[in-house]
Protein backbone atom coordinates (compact mmCIF):
# COMPACT_ATOMS: atom_id res chain seq x y z
CA MET A 1 -22.78 -38.84 129.19
CA PHE A 2 -20.33 -36.09 128.21
CA ARG A 3 -22.81 -34.41 125.88
CA ALA A 4 -25.63 -34.50 128.47
CA LEU A 5 -23.45 -33.00 131.23
CA ALA A 6 -21.99 -30.38 128.90
CA THR A 7 -25.50 -29.46 127.73
CA LEU A 8 -26.79 -29.28 131.31
CA ARG A 9 -23.92 -26.96 132.28
CA THR A 10 -24.50 -24.78 129.22
CA VAL A 11 -28.26 -24.56 129.77
CA ALA A 12 -27.80 -23.65 133.46
CA LEU A 13 -25.29 -20.93 132.57
CA GLY A 14 -27.52 -19.67 129.76
CA ALA A 15 -30.52 -19.52 132.08
CA TRP A 16 -28.46 -17.60 134.67
CA PHE A 17 -27.23 -15.15 132.05
CA GLY A 18 -30.71 -14.73 130.56
CA GLY A 19 -32.28 -14.09 133.95
CA ALA A 20 -29.61 -11.59 134.97
CA ALA A 21 -29.76 -9.80 131.63
CA ALA A 22 -33.57 -9.64 131.78
CA ILE A 23 -33.47 -7.96 135.19
CA ALA A 24 -30.69 -5.55 134.23
CA LEU A 25 -31.96 -4.66 130.76
CA LEU A 26 -35.75 -5.03 131.04
CA VAL A 27 -37.11 -5.22 134.59
CA ALA A 28 -35.11 -2.40 136.20
CA PRO A 29 -35.54 0.20 133.44
CA SER A 30 -39.22 -0.69 132.97
CA ALA A 31 -39.98 -0.48 136.70
CA PHE A 32 -38.36 2.94 137.04
CA ARG A 33 -40.07 4.19 133.88
CA ALA A 34 -43.53 2.82 134.74
CA LEU A 35 -43.47 3.86 138.38
CA ALA A 36 -41.83 7.28 137.92
CA PRO A 37 -41.60 9.45 139.93
CA ASP A 38 -42.13 6.87 142.72
CA ARG A 39 -38.52 5.65 142.87
CA VAL A 40 -39.11 3.93 146.22
CA SER A 41 -41.74 1.58 144.75
CA ALA A 42 -39.66 1.00 141.62
CA GLY A 43 -36.62 0.20 143.74
CA ALA A 44 -38.68 -2.17 145.87
CA ALA A 45 -39.95 -3.98 142.77
CA VAL A 46 -36.45 -4.34 141.30
CA GLY A 47 -35.04 -5.31 144.69
CA ALA A 48 -37.66 -8.05 145.05
CA SER A 49 -36.78 -9.32 141.57
CA LEU A 50 -33.09 -9.39 142.44
CA HIS A 51 -33.80 -11.14 145.74
CA ALA A 52 -35.77 -13.88 143.94
CA PHE A 53 -33.01 -14.13 141.35
CA GLU A 54 -30.43 -14.69 144.11
CA TYR A 55 -32.25 -17.93 145.03
CA ALA A 56 -32.49 -18.97 141.38
CA SER A 57 -28.79 -18.17 141.03
CA PHE A 58 -27.82 -20.64 143.73
CA ALA A 59 -29.87 -23.37 142.06
CA LEU A 60 -28.64 -22.68 138.52
CA LEU A 61 -25.01 -22.23 139.48
CA GLY A 62 -25.17 -25.31 141.71
CA VAL A 63 -26.37 -27.35 138.73
CA ALA A 64 -23.70 -25.83 136.49
CA LEU A 65 -20.96 -26.51 139.03
CA ALA A 66 -22.13 -30.08 139.66
CA ALA A 67 -22.19 -30.79 135.91
CA SER A 68 -18.77 -29.20 135.49
CA LEU A 69 -17.29 -31.23 138.35
CA LEU A 70 -18.80 -34.43 136.96
CA LEU A 71 -17.22 -33.58 133.60
CA ARG A 72 -13.91 -33.12 135.40
CA TRP A 73 -14.37 -36.50 137.09
CA ARG A 74 -15.17 -38.04 133.68
CA LYS A 75 -11.84 -36.67 132.40
CA GLN A 76 -13.38 -33.79 130.43
CA PRO A 77 -12.16 -30.86 132.52
CA SER A 78 -12.56 -27.20 131.75
CA LEU A 79 -10.64 -25.17 134.28
CA LEU A 80 -11.92 -21.89 132.81
CA CYS A 81 -15.56 -22.98 133.11
CA ASP A 82 -15.01 -24.26 136.64
CA ALA A 83 -13.31 -21.01 137.65
CA ALA A 84 -16.01 -18.86 136.06
CA ILE A 85 -18.80 -20.79 137.79
CA ALA A 86 -16.96 -20.56 141.12
CA LEU A 87 -16.53 -16.81 140.58
CA LEU A 88 -20.25 -16.45 139.84
CA LEU A 89 -21.11 -18.39 142.99
CA LEU A 90 -18.76 -16.21 145.01
CA GLY A 91 -20.36 -13.08 143.57
CA THR A 92 -23.84 -14.41 144.35
CA VAL A 93 -22.86 -15.16 147.94
CA LEU A 94 -21.35 -11.69 148.26
CA LEU A 95 -24.50 -10.03 146.89
CA ALA A 96 -26.99 -12.19 148.79
CA ALA A 97 -25.24 -12.43 152.15
CA TRP A 98 -23.67 -9.00 152.46
CA LEU A 99 -24.59 -6.39 149.89
CA SER A 100 -28.37 -6.93 149.63
CA PRO A 101 -28.86 -6.79 153.43
CA ALA A 102 -26.57 -3.75 153.64
CA LEU A 103 -28.63 -2.00 150.95
CA ALA A 104 -31.86 -2.78 152.78
CA ALA A 105 -30.41 -1.43 156.03
CA ALA A 106 -29.11 1.76 154.35
CA ARG A 107 -32.35 2.56 152.47
CA PRO A 108 -34.22 4.24 155.39
CA ALA A 109 -31.36 6.72 155.85
CA GLY A 110 -31.89 8.06 152.31
CA THR A 111 -31.11 7.14 148.74
CA GLY A 112 -29.79 10.38 147.26
CA ASP A 113 -26.33 11.15 145.95
CA GLY A 114 -23.55 10.80 148.49
CA THR A 115 -25.49 8.46 150.76
CA GLU A 116 -24.33 5.05 151.95
CA PHE A 117 -27.20 3.53 149.98
CA GLN A 118 -25.96 5.14 146.76
CA ARG A 119 -22.40 3.92 147.39
CA LEU A 120 -23.60 0.36 148.02
CA HIS A 121 -25.95 0.52 145.03
CA ARG A 122 -23.08 1.46 142.70
CA LEU A 123 -21.02 -1.41 144.11
CA TYR A 124 -23.94 -3.82 143.55
CA GLU A 125 -24.27 -2.63 139.93
CA ARG A 126 -20.55 -3.13 139.31
CA ILE A 127 -20.48 -6.62 140.78
CA PHE A 128 -23.66 -7.63 138.94
CA GLY A 129 -22.29 -6.21 135.67
CA PHE A 130 -19.02 -8.08 136.15
CA GLU A 131 -20.99 -11.26 136.82
CA LEU A 132 -22.88 -10.75 133.56
CA LEU A 133 -19.60 -10.62 131.65
CA VAL A 134 -18.21 -13.67 133.46
CA ALA A 135 -21.44 -15.60 132.81
CA LEU A 136 -21.39 -14.70 129.12
CA ALA A 137 -17.80 -15.90 128.84
CA ALA A 138 -18.56 -19.12 130.76
CA PHE A 139 -21.68 -19.77 128.68
CA THR A 140 -19.79 -19.23 125.44
CA LEU A 141 -16.91 -21.43 126.53
CA SER A 142 -19.26 -24.15 127.77
CA ALA A 143 -21.19 -24.10 124.50
CA MET A 144 -17.97 -24.34 122.49
CA ILE A 145 -16.70 -27.24 124.59
CA GLY A 146 -20.07 -29.00 124.43
CA SER A 147 -20.11 -28.74 120.66
CA GLY A 148 -16.63 -30.17 120.41
CA LYS A 149 -14.94 -26.92 119.34
CA LYS A 150 -11.73 -25.77 120.98
CA ALA A 151 -11.64 -22.40 122.75
CA GLY A 152 -8.90 -21.04 120.51
CA GLY A 153 -10.64 -22.00 117.27
CA GLY A 154 -10.75 -25.26 115.40
C-alpha cells in the first residue's frame, strides 16, 4: 500500500510539474512567436491554456494531497511533501480565484509597460515560477521517499 500511494503522489506531482513546465517553456513562447505581432491573440491562447491548467492543477494536487495524507495516516509521513503540496494548492487558489480574474479585468485597459495588467502579469509569472520550483522539489522528494531513499542521502 505504501508503494502504491507514494507512486500515486509522485506521478500526480510529476504530471503537475510537466504540465506547468510545458506551458511556461513551450506553449507561451510558441504562441507569441507563431502569432507575432498579434500579442492579444497569443495572450488569449496562453491564458486559455493556463485557465485549463488551473482545473487540472486542482485535480492533480488533490490526488497528491490525498495520497500524502493517506501515507501520513499509514505512519509514513513526509511533512516536507505535505507542506509543498499545500503550498502548491494555495498558489493555485491564489492564481485561479484572484489573479486570473484580475488579469482578465485589467486587459481592456491596456497591456503596455506601466499598466495594471503588466504589474499583475509579472506577479503571475513570479508566483507560477515559484510554484514550478516548489513542485520540482516536492516531486524529487516524493520520488526519493517512494524509492526508499532518505532525503539527506543514503
